[in-house]
Amino acid sequence: MKIVALIPARIGSKRLKRKNIRLINGKPMISYAINACKRSRLIDKVYVSTESDIIANIAKEYGATVIDRPKELAEDNVRTQDVFEHFASMVKDFDILVAIKANSPNVRAENIDKGIQKLISNNLWEVRSITSDGLDNGAMWILKRDTIFWHGLSVYFGVIIDDAVEVHTLADLKKARRILKNG
């Protein structure tokens, strides 16, 4: 079974400009997602999907393989599933996709592995991360390859608690910096 990670990362952002490359403790935010995936015991390869040369260069510097995303798939109104479908059309050799948001810098490798294990051991279609108070935080979305192309609602899903910060504003960025500084 081959498990790959995908970090969708576009350069455009309305609320916090260029958020995915903002520095946290001297490193670009996206580097934290790449490093969490690389620390996973179960992920075989890490990819970054982007339309940005800047993000592509950072991704390569941190050891990810870059998938060039067409500009029309980097707009505000594009569904994440469309980005997954593009990725799956480019990379055919995988069974499980672990999607990690570039703007969730404190997602943890242990939680990624727990989510993958939950998907496999319960024969689920997908696992999503939620906060400890039960809200979807979007930091992690783990799914079987066939689920990428399913256009209905999934009924075979599970959740994993991961209190990853989702950075969309300057206040979120300051919170992430505090959390990561204090370890």
Foldseek 3Di string as FASTA:
>chain_A
DAEEEEEEDEQCADADGRQLQDDFPRGGLLLLVLVQLVPAPHHDAYEYEYCDPVVCVSCVVSPHHYDHDDPVCRDPPHDPLVVLVVVCVVDVPHFKYKYFYSQQNPFHSVQSNVQVCVCVVQVFQKEFEAAPVGHGPRGIIMGTSVVSPDPDDGPRYYYTHDNTQGDRHPVSVVVVSVVVVVD
